[in-house]
Amino acid sequence: MILYKKIEEKTFNILSELKINTPNKIDVFKIAKHLGVDVKPATLDSSISGLFVIKEQKPYIRYNENESPQRQNFTIAHELGHFVLHKDTPLFINKNELVLFRNSDSTTGELLKEKEANSFAASLLMPKVFIEEEIKNIPSGIDPIIHLSKIFKVSSQAMNYRLNNLGYSFLGMY
């Protein structure tokens, strides 16, 4: 799991560079701009959430404009993961283009690069240190996963995965 520790470090450094120190300051568009990546909505097939392209040495992310804001944020963060982690190791090459896209296979995390990009997205949107702080403030009687997913503006499913990967278990807490 050394690689995942490095991913956590990379996302922490990006957030620190931008002085992002609370969940409500996490803005994937601001992060992409800081990294020099052009991000725009696009009309994509319903099976594709987003794509990452390097064309003429310029990085672009396009995300499905018809998906929920939470899904769009995770998709953009996932594609930023490909940019940060994989821009020098292309998966698909078409002359001078690198194209990576997020679809249902990405969600299951079956490919190593997809798992890494998912880990990057989770770490960027739900930083471990922020989660540790927010867990202290969960009101009793409240579903912690729903509560945290609202604070971090991610789906309950994404929060559940992140919490499990960090070793948290909330069964029987509420």
Protein backbone atom coordinates (compact mmCIF):
# COMPACT_ATOMS: atom_id res chain seq x y z
CA MET A 1 0.00 0.00 0.00
CA ILE A 2 3.00 2.29 -0.38
CA LEU A 3 1.50 3.65 -3.59
CA TYR A 4 -1.69 4.70 -1.82
CA LYS A 5 0.33 6.47 0.86
CA LYS A 6 2.08 8.40 -1.92
CA ILE A 7 -1.32 9.29 -3.42
CA GLU A 8 -2.43 10.62 -0.01
CA GLU A 9 0.77 12.70 0.14
CA LYS A 10 0.25 14.08 -3.37
CA THR A 11 -3.33 15.16 -2.68
CA PHE A 12 -2.35 16.63 0.70
CA ASN A 13 0.39 18.67 -1.00
CA ILE A 14 -2.02 19.96 -3.68
CA LEU A 15 -4.55 21.00 -1.04
CA SER A 16 -1.80 22.63 1.05
CA GLU A 17 -0.45 24.59 -1.94
CA LEU A 18 -3.94 26.02 -2.43
CA LYS A 19 -4.40 26.63 1.32
CA ILE A 20 -7.45 24.37 1.35
CA ASN A 21 -7.93 23.42 4.99
CA THR A 22 -11.65 22.61 5.32
CA PRO A 23 -14.04 20.43 3.30
CA ASN A 24 -16.09 23.40 2.07
CA LYS A 25 -13.00 24.89 0.37
CA ILE A 26 -12.41 21.83 -1.82
CA ASP A 27 -13.15 22.99 -5.37
CA VAL A 28 -12.12 20.66 -8.20
CA PHE A 29 -12.29 23.49 -10.73
CA LYS A 30 -9.87 25.62 -8.70
CA ILE A 31 -7.59 22.60 -8.25
CA ALA A 32 -7.66 21.82 -11.98
CA LYS A 33 -6.87 25.43 -12.84
CA HIS A 34 -3.94 25.35 -10.38
CA LEU A 35 -2.67 22.20 -12.12
CA GLY A 36 -3.10 23.77 -15.57
CA VAL A 37 -5.90 21.44 -16.69
CA ASP A 38 -8.80 22.76 -18.78
CA VAL A 39 -12.11 21.39 -17.41
CA LYS A 40 -15.46 21.75 -19.14
CA PRO A 41 -18.82 19.98 -19.25
CA ALA A 42 -19.61 17.93 -22.33
CA THR A 43 -22.44 15.97 -23.83
CA LEU A 44 -21.17 12.42 -23.38
CA ASP A 45 -22.73 9.02 -23.81
CA SER A 46 -24.55 8.01 -20.61
CA SER A 47 -21.99 5.22 -20.09
CA ILE A 48 -19.11 7.73 -19.88
CA SER A 49 -18.75 10.01 -16.87
CA GLY A 50 -15.67 11.83 -18.07
CA LEU A 51 -12.46 11.76 -20.02
CA PHE A 52 -8.92 13.03 -19.77
CA VAL A 53 -7.06 14.02 -22.92
CA ILE A 54 -3.61 15.41 -23.56
CA LYS A 55 -3.57 16.98 -26.99
CA GLU A 56 -0.57 18.92 -28.24
CA GLN A 57 0.86 18.79 -24.69
CA LYS A 58 -2.24 20.47 -23.22
CA PRO A 59 -4.35 18.57 -20.65
CA TYR A 60 -8.15 18.59 -20.90
CA ILE A 61 -10.89 17.04 -18.80
CA ARG A 62 -14.44 16.76 -20.04
CA TYR A 63 -17.19 15.54 -17.74
CA ASN A 64 -20.75 14.40 -18.39
CA GLU A 65 -22.99 17.44 -17.95
CA ASN A 66 -26.02 15.22 -17.30
CA GLU A 67 -24.76 13.62 -14.09
CA SER A 68 -25.28 14.81 -10.50
CA PRO A 69 -22.92 17.45 -9.10
CA GLN A 70 -21.47 14.87 -6.69
CA ARG A 71 -20.74 12.48 -9.55
CA GLN A 72 -19.25 15.30 -11.64
CA ASN A 73 -16.93 16.30 -8.78
CA PHE A 74 -15.75 12.72 -8.29
CA THR A 75 -15.28 12.29 -12.05
CA ILE A 76 -13.22 15.49 -12.33
CA ALA A 77 -11.13 14.45 -9.32
CA HIS A 78 -10.70 10.96 -10.84
CA GLU A 79 -9.51 12.45 -14.14
CA LEU A 80 -7.17 14.79 -12.26
CA GLY A 81 -5.79 11.61 -10.70
CA HIS A 82 -4.97 10.31 -14.16
CA PHE A 83 -3.29 13.63 -14.97
CA VAL A 84 -1.18 13.70 -11.80
CA LEU A 85 -0.40 9.97 -11.65
CA HIS A 86 -0.48 8.71 -15.24
CA LYS A 87 0.22 11.51 -17.69
CA ASP A 88 3.61 9.98 -18.49
CA THR A 89 2.25 6.44 -18.95
CA PRO A 90 -0.50 6.55 -21.58
CA LEU A 91 -3.22 3.92 -21.78
CA PHE A 92 -4.59 4.88 -25.17
CA ILE A 93 -2.50 6.60 -27.82
CA ASN A 94 -3.73 8.22 -31.02
CA LYS A 95 -0.76 9.99 -32.61
CA ASN A 96 -0.10 12.91 -30.28
CA GLU A 97 -3.04 12.31 -27.94
CA LEU A 98 -3.45 10.53 -24.63
CA VAL A 99 -7.07 9.72 -23.82
CA LEU A 100 -8.30 8.24 -20.54
CA PHE A 101 -11.99 8.04 -19.71
CA ARG A 102 -14.16 7.19 -16.72
CA ASN A 103 -16.94 4.70 -17.31
CA SER A 104 -18.55 1.80 -15.43
CA ASP A 105 -15.25 -0.15 -15.47
CA SER A 106 -13.60 2.76 -13.66
CA THR A 107 -16.22 2.63 -10.94
CA THR A 108 -15.48 -1.00 -10.14
CA GLY A 109 -11.77 -0.18 -9.98
CA GLU A 110 -10.75 -3.31 -11.87
CA LEU A 111 -7.76 -1.81 -13.60
CA LEU A 112 -4.79 -0.72 -11.46
CA LYS A 113 -4.67 2.75 -13.03
CA GLU A 114 -8.40 3.13 -12.41
CA LYS A 115 -7.99 2.08 -8.76
CA GLU A 116 -5.21 4.62 -8.40
CA ALA A 117 -7.32 7.38 -9.98
CA ASN A 118 -10.25 6.45 -7.71
CA SER A 119 -7.94 6.55 -4.70
CA PHE A 120 -6.65 9.95 -5.79
CA ALA A 121 -10.20 11.27 -6.20
CA ALA A 122 -11.25 9.95 -2.79
CA SER A 123 -8.17 11.41 -1.12
CA LEU A 124 -8.59 14.77 -2.85
CA LEU A 125 -12.32 15.13 -2.11
CA MET A 126 -12.30 13.43 1.31
CA PRO A 127 -8.86 14.05 2.82
CA LYS A 128 -8.06 11.78 5.74
CA VAL A 129 -7.18 14.67 8.08
CA PHE A 130 -10.45 16.46 7.28
CA ILE A 131 -12.47 13.29 7.85
CA GLU A 132 -10.74 12.70 11.19
CA GLU A 133 -11.70 16.23 12.27
CA GLU A 134 -15.31 16.00 11.04
CA ILE A 135 -15.90 12.61 12.69
CA LYS A 136 -15.42 14.31 16.07
CA ASN A 137 -18.38 16.59 15.29
CA ILE A 138 -21.00 14.07 14.16
CA PRO A 139 -24.16 14.65 16.20
CA SER A 140 -25.49 11.56 17.95
CA GLY A 141 -28.47 9.92 16.34
CA ILE A 142 -27.37 11.03 12.86
CA ASP A 143 -26.28 8.62 10.14
CA PRO A 144 -22.54 9.39 9.96
CA ILE A 145 -22.18 8.41 6.31
CA ILE A 146 -25.01 10.67 5.16
CA HIS A 147 -23.78 13.47 7.44
CA LEU A 148 -20.21 13.27 6.15
CA SER A 149 -21.26 12.87 2.51
CA LYS A 150 -23.16 16.17 2.76
CA ILE A 151 -20.19 17.97 4.32
CA PHE A 152 -17.78 16.66 1.67
CA LYS A 153 -20.31 16.97 -1.20
CA VAL A 154 -19.87 13.37 -2.33
CA SER A 155 -22.26 10.46 -2.68
CA SER A 156 -22.99 8.24 0.32
CA GLN A 157 -21.45 5.37 -1.62
CA ALA A 158 -18.18 7.28 -2.15
CA MET A 159 -18.08 8.25 1.53
CA ASN A 160 -18.79 4.69 2.61
CA TYR A 161 -15.90 3.37 0.47
CA ARG A 162 -13.56 6.07 1.76
CA LEU A 163 -14.42 5.42 5.39
CA ASN A 164 -13.99 1.66 4.94
CA ASN A 165 -10.63 2.19 3.23
CA LEU A 166 -9.53 4.38 6.14
CA GLY A 167 -10.57 1.68 8.60
CA TYR A 168 -13.68 3.29 10.04
CA SER A 169 -16.78 1.27 10.84
CA PHE A 170 -19.96 3.01 11.88
CA LEU A 171 -22.23 -0.02 12.20
CA GLY A 172 -24.45 0.34 15.22
CA MET A 173 -23.32 3.90 15.93
CA TYR A 174 -26.63 5.62 15.28
